[in-house]
Amino acid sequence: MAAKKSTVSPYVEAAKDLLSQEGISFKEWSNDHLRDKKMAILEGKDKEWEESTIERQCETYVLSKLHTLVSNKNQPNIGGEKHVTETTTTNSTTSTTSK
């Protein structure tokens, strides 16, 4: 199986060329920006990132729960209704009823 080639954005290519013309290493430049972004996230300074990340996690969670509920609802009820025995206590008298 052939390895999947990653395509580089035209903006990345242009930035590499422009930075190179200025004598700046693209790798160092990008690492600086990534480090700054990561630090802002760790320090709680990037609320937009936090909110969008939590929103995506909530969406994933809710969709997985809905999928589980729908899957369980579509499962056949094998064995018919289950009989439940209930024990109740009234005035120090215990009685058992079957539903």
N, C-alpha and C. Protein backbone atom coordinates (compact mmCIF):
# COMPACT_ATOMS: atom_id res chain seq x y z
N MET A 1 0.84 -1.17 0.00
CA MET A 1 0.00 0.00 0.00
C MET A 1 0.89 1.24 0.00
N ALA A 2 0.58 2.19 -0.83
CA ALA A 2 1.39 3.41 -0.93
C ALA A 2 1.09 4.34 0.24
N ALA A 3 2.11 5.04 0.67
CA ALA A 3 1.94 6.00 1.76
C ALA A 3 1.16 7.20 1.25
N LYS A 4 0.31 7.73 2.10
CA LYS A 4 -0.51 8.88 1.74
C LYS A 4 0.36 10.14 1.81
N LYS A 5 0.41 10.88 0.70
CA LYS A 5 1.18 12.11 0.67
C LYS A 5 0.38 13.22 1.33
N SER A 6 1.07 14.01 2.14
CA SER A 6 0.38 15.14 2.73
C SER A 6 0.56 16.33 1.81
N THR A 7 -0.51 17.05 1.61
CA THR A 7 -0.44 18.22 0.75
C THR A 7 -0.21 19.44 1.62
N VAL A 8 0.69 20.30 1.17
CA VAL A 8 1.03 21.50 1.91
C VAL A 8 0.21 22.65 1.37
N SER A 9 -0.36 23.41 2.27
CA SER A 9 -1.16 24.56 1.90
C SER A 9 -0.32 25.56 1.09
N PRO A 10 -0.94 26.23 0.14
CA PRO A 10 -0.21 27.26 -0.61
C PRO A 10 0.30 28.39 0.31
N TYR A 11 -0.42 28.64 1.40
CA TYR A 11 0.02 29.66 2.35
C TYR A 11 1.30 29.24 3.05
N VAL A 12 1.40 27.94 3.37
CA VAL A 12 2.61 27.44 4.01
C VAL A 12 3.79 27.57 3.05
N GLU A 13 3.58 27.19 1.81
CA GLU A 13 4.64 27.32 0.81
C GLU A 13 5.07 28.77 0.66
N ALA A 14 4.10 29.68 0.59
CA ALA A 14 4.41 31.11 0.43
C ALA A 14 5.15 31.64 1.65
N ALA A 15 4.71 31.23 2.85
CA ALA A 15 5.37 31.68 4.07
C ALA A 15 6.80 31.17 4.12
N LYS A 16 7.01 29.94 3.72
CA LYS A 16 8.38 29.39 3.69
C LYS A 16 9.27 30.24 2.78
N ASP A 17 8.76 30.57 1.60
CA ASP A 17 9.54 31.37 0.66
C ASP A 17 9.83 32.77 1.21
N LEU A 18 8.80 33.42 1.76
CA LEU A 18 8.98 34.77 2.29
C LEU A 18 9.94 34.78 3.47
N LEU A 19 9.79 33.82 4.37
CA LEU A 19 10.69 33.75 5.53
C LEU A 19 12.11 33.47 5.09
N SER A 20 12.25 32.60 4.10
CA SER A 20 13.57 32.28 3.58
C SER A 20 14.24 33.53 3.01
N GLN A 21 13.48 34.36 2.31
CA GLN A 21 14.01 35.60 1.74
C GLN A 21 14.49 36.56 2.84
N GLU A 22 13.84 36.45 4.02
CA GLU A 22 14.23 37.30 5.14
C GLU A 22 15.32 36.66 5.99
N GLY A 23 15.75 35.45 5.61
CA GLY A 23 16.79 34.76 6.36
C GLY A 23 16.29 34.12 7.64
N ILE A 24 14.99 33.83 7.71
CA ILE A 24 14.38 33.23 8.90
C ILE A 24 14.03 31.78 8.59
N SER A 25 14.39 30.89 9.50
CA SER A 25 14.08 29.47 9.34
C SER A 25 12.59 29.23 9.59
N PHE A 26 11.94 28.59 8.62
CA PHE A 26 10.52 28.28 8.77
C PHE A 26 10.28 27.38 9.98
N LYS A 27 11.16 26.41 10.18
CA LYS A 27 11.00 25.48 11.30
C LYS A 27 11.06 26.22 12.63
N GLU A 28 12.03 27.09 12.81
CA GLU A 28 12.14 27.85 14.05
C GLU A 28 10.95 28.79 14.22
N TRP A 29 10.57 29.45 13.13
CA TRP A 29 9.44 30.38 13.16
C TRP A 29 8.16 29.66 13.58
N SER A 30 7.90 28.51 12.96
CA SER A 30 6.67 27.76 13.27
C SER A 30 6.73 27.20 14.69
N ASN A 31 7.90 26.72 15.12
CA ASN A 31 8.03 26.22 16.49
C ASN A 31 7.79 27.32 17.52
N ASP A 32 8.27 28.53 17.25
CA ASP A 32 8.02 29.66 18.16
C ASP A 32 6.53 29.92 18.29
N HIS A 33 5.83 29.94 17.16
CA HIS A 33 4.38 30.20 17.19
C HIS A 33 3.62 29.07 17.89
N LEU A 34 4.01 27.85 17.63
CA LEU A 34 3.35 26.72 18.30
C LEU A 34 3.60 26.75 19.80
N ARG A 35 4.83 27.04 20.19
CA ARG A 35 5.15 27.12 21.62
C ARG A 35 4.32 28.21 22.29
N ASP A 36 4.22 29.39 21.66
CA ASP A 36 3.43 30.48 22.22
C ASP A 36 1.96 30.08 22.38
N LYS A 37 1.43 29.40 21.38
CA LYS A 37 0.03 28.96 21.43
C LYS A 37 -0.18 27.94 22.55
N LYS A 38 0.74 26.98 22.66
CA LYS A 38 0.63 25.95 23.70
C LYS A 38 0.72 26.57 25.08
N MET A 39 1.61 27.53 25.26
CA MET A 39 1.74 28.19 26.57
C MET A 39 0.46 28.96 26.91
N ALA A 40 -0.11 29.64 25.93
CA ALA A 40 -1.36 30.38 26.16
C ALA A 40 -2.47 29.42 26.59
N ILE A 41 -2.50 28.26 25.97
CA ILE A 41 -3.52 27.25 26.32
C ILE A 41 -3.28 26.75 27.74
N LEU A 42 -2.05 26.41 28.05
CA LEU A 42 -1.72 25.88 29.39
C LEU A 42 -1.99 26.92 30.49
N GLU A 43 -1.79 28.18 30.16
CA GLU A 43 -1.98 29.24 31.14
C GLU A 43 -3.42 29.72 31.20
N GLY A 44 -4.29 29.14 30.39
CA GLY A 44 -5.70 29.52 30.40
C GLY A 44 -5.98 30.85 29.74
N LYS A 45 -5.10 31.29 28.85
CA LYS A 45 -5.25 32.59 28.20
C LYS A 45 -5.95 32.52 26.86
N ASP A 46 -6.26 31.33 26.39
CA ASP A 46 -6.90 31.18 25.08
C ASP A 46 -8.30 30.61 25.28
N LYS A 47 -9.21 31.48 25.68
CA LYS A 47 -10.59 31.06 25.98
C LYS A 47 -11.32 30.55 24.74
N GLU A 48 -11.03 31.14 23.58
CA GLU A 48 -11.68 30.69 22.36
C GLU A 48 -11.34 29.23 22.07
N TRP A 49 -10.06 28.86 22.22
CA TRP A 49 -9.64 27.48 22.01
C TRP A 49 -10.32 26.57 23.03
N GLU A 50 -10.34 27.00 24.31
CA GLU A 50 -10.96 26.18 25.36
C GLU A 50 -12.43 25.93 25.05
N GLU A 51 -13.15 26.98 24.69
CA GLU A 51 -14.58 26.85 24.42
C GLU A 51 -14.86 25.96 23.21
N SER A 52 -14.07 26.12 22.14
CA SER A 52 -14.31 25.30 20.96
C SER A 52 -13.94 23.84 21.22
N THR A 53 -12.90 23.62 22.02
CA THR A 53 -12.50 22.25 22.35
C THR A 53 -13.57 21.57 23.20
N ILE A 54 -14.07 22.28 24.22
CA ILE A 54 -15.13 21.71 25.08
C ILE A 54 -16.39 21.46 24.26
N GLU A 55 -16.72 22.39 23.36
CA GLU A 55 -17.91 22.20 22.52
C GLU A 55 -17.78 20.95 21.66
N ARG A 56 -16.60 20.73 21.06
CA ARG A 56 -16.39 19.53 20.24
C ARG A 56 -16.47 18.27 21.10
N GLN A 57 -15.92 18.31 22.31
CA GLN A 57 -15.98 17.15 23.20
C GLN A 57 -17.42 16.87 23.61
N CYS A 58 -18.18 17.92 23.90
CA CYS A 58 -19.60 17.74 24.27
C CYS A 58 -20.38 17.14 23.10
N GLU A 59 -20.11 17.63 21.90
CA GLU A 59 -20.78 17.10 20.72
C GLU A 59 -20.47 15.62 20.54
N THR A 60 -19.22 15.25 20.68
CA THR A 60 -18.81 13.85 20.56
C THR A 60 -19.48 12.99 21.61
N TYR A 61 -19.51 13.49 22.86
CA TYR A 61 -20.11 12.75 23.97
C TYR A 61 -21.62 12.54 23.74
N VAL A 62 -22.33 13.62 23.40
CA VAL A 62 -23.78 13.52 23.21
C VAL A 62 -24.10 12.59 22.04
N LEU A 63 -23.36 12.71 20.94
CA LEU A 63 -23.62 11.83 19.80
C LEU A 63 -23.35 10.37 20.13
N SER A 64 -22.32 10.10 20.93
CA SER A 64 -22.05 8.70 21.30
C SER A 64 -23.16 8.17 22.21
N LYS A 65 -23.65 9.02 23.12
CA LYS A 65 -24.76 8.58 24.00
C LYS A 65 -26.02 8.33 23.19
N LEU A 66 -26.31 9.21 22.23
CA LEU A 66 -27.49 9.01 21.37
C LEU A 66 -27.36 7.72 20.57
N HIS A 67 -26.17 7.48 20.06
CA HIS A 67 -25.93 6.25 19.30
C HIS A 67 -26.17 5.03 20.18
N THR A 68 -25.69 5.07 21.41
CA THR A 68 -25.89 3.96 22.34
C THR A 68 -27.36 3.76 22.65
N LEU A 69 -28.08 4.86 22.91
CA LEU A 69 -29.51 4.76 23.21
C LEU A 69 -30.29 4.19 22.03
N VAL A 70 -29.99 4.64 20.84
CA VAL A 70 -30.69 4.15 19.65
C VAL A 70 -30.35 2.68 19.42
N SER A 71 -29.08 2.32 19.58
CA SER A 71 -28.68 0.92 19.40
C SER A 71 -29.37 0.02 20.40
N ASN A 72 -29.44 0.45 21.65
CA ASN A 72 -30.10 -0.35 22.68
C ASN A 72 -31.59 -0.46 22.42
N LYS A 73 -32.22 0.59 21.94
CA LYS A 73 -33.65 0.59 21.68
C LYS A 73 -33.98 -0.36 20.52
N ASN A 74 -33.06 -0.47 19.58
CA ASN A 74 -33.30 -1.32 18.40
C ASN A 74 -32.96 -2.78 18.66
N GLN A 75 -32.43 -3.12 19.82
CA GLN A 75 -32.11 -4.51 20.15
C GLN A 75 -33.42 -5.25 20.43
N PRO A 76 -33.56 -6.47 19.94
CA PRO A 76 -34.79 -7.23 20.20
C PRO A 76 -34.90 -7.56 21.68
N ASN A 77 -36.12 -7.59 22.19
CA ASN A 77 -36.37 -7.91 23.59
C ASN A 77 -36.48 -9.43 23.71
N ILE A 78 -35.38 -10.09 23.98
CA ILE A 78 -35.32 -11.55 24.06
C ILE A 78 -35.84 -11.98 25.43
N GLY A 79 -36.78 -12.92 25.44
CA GLY A 79 -37.28 -13.44 26.70
C GLY A 79 -38.54 -12.75 27.19
N GLY A 80 -39.07 -11.81 26.43
CA GLY A 80 -40.29 -11.14 26.83
C GLY A 80 -40.08 -10.24 28.02
N GLU A 81 -41.20 -9.93 28.71
CA GLU A 81 -41.11 -9.05 29.88
C GLU A 81 -40.49 -9.78 31.05
N LYS A 82 -39.72 -9.05 31.82
CA LYS A 82 -39.12 -9.63 33.01
C LYS A 82 -40.06 -9.41 34.18
N HIS A 83 -40.12 -10.41 35.06
CA HIS A 83 -40.93 -10.28 36.26
C HIS A 83 -40.06 -9.67 37.35
N VAL A 84 -40.61 -8.68 38.01
CA VAL A 84 -39.86 -7.98 39.05
C VAL A 84 -40.55 -8.24 40.37
N THR A 85 -39.76 -8.62 41.36
CA THR A 85 -40.30 -8.80 42.70
C THR A 85 -39.97 -7.56 43.50
N GLU A 86 -40.99 -7.00 44.15
CA GLU A 86 -40.83 -5.76 44.89
C GLU A 86 -41.14 -6.00 46.35
N THR A 87 -40.30 -5.54 47.24
CA THR A 87 -40.54 -5.67 48.67
C THR A 87 -40.81 -4.29 49.23
N THR A 88 -41.95 -4.18 49.96
CA THR A 88 -42.29 -2.89 50.57
C THR A 88 -42.48 -3.09 52.06
N THR A 89 -42.24 -2.03 52.81
CA THR A 89 -42.42 -2.07 54.25
C THR A 89 -43.44 -1.02 54.65
N THR A 90 -44.51 -1.48 55.31
CA THR A 90 -45.53 -0.55 55.83
C THR A 90 -45.89 -0.97 57.22
N ASN A 91 -45.81 -0.03 58.14
CA ASN A 91 -46.18 -0.27 59.54
C ASN A 91 -45.57 -1.55 60.09
N SER A 92 -44.30 -1.74 59.91
CA SER A 92 -43.57 -2.89 60.41
C SER A 92 -44.02 -4.19 59.79
N THR A 93 -44.79 -4.16 58.71
CA THR A 93 -45.21 -5.38 58.03
C THR A 93 -44.54 -5.39 56.67
N THR A 94 -43.95 -6.50 56.33
CA THR A 94 -43.28 -6.63 55.04
C THR A 94 -44.16 -7.47 54.13
N SER A 95 -44.39 -6.97 52.92
CA SER A 95 -45.18 -7.74 51.96
C SER A 95 -44.39 -7.80 50.66
N THR A 96 -44.59 -8.88 49.91
CA THR A 96 -43.92 -9.07 48.64
C THR A 96 -44.99 -9.14 47.55
N THR A 97 -44.78 -8.36 46.50
CA THR A 97 -45.72 -8.40 45.39
C THR A 97 -44.94 -8.68 44.11
N SER A 98 -45.57 -9.34 43.18
CA SER A 98 -44.93 -9.64 41.91
C SER A 98 -45.64 -8.88 40.82
N LYS A 99 -44.88 -8.22 39.96
CA LYS A 99 -45.48 -7.45 38.86
C LYS A 99 -45.36 -8.23 37.58
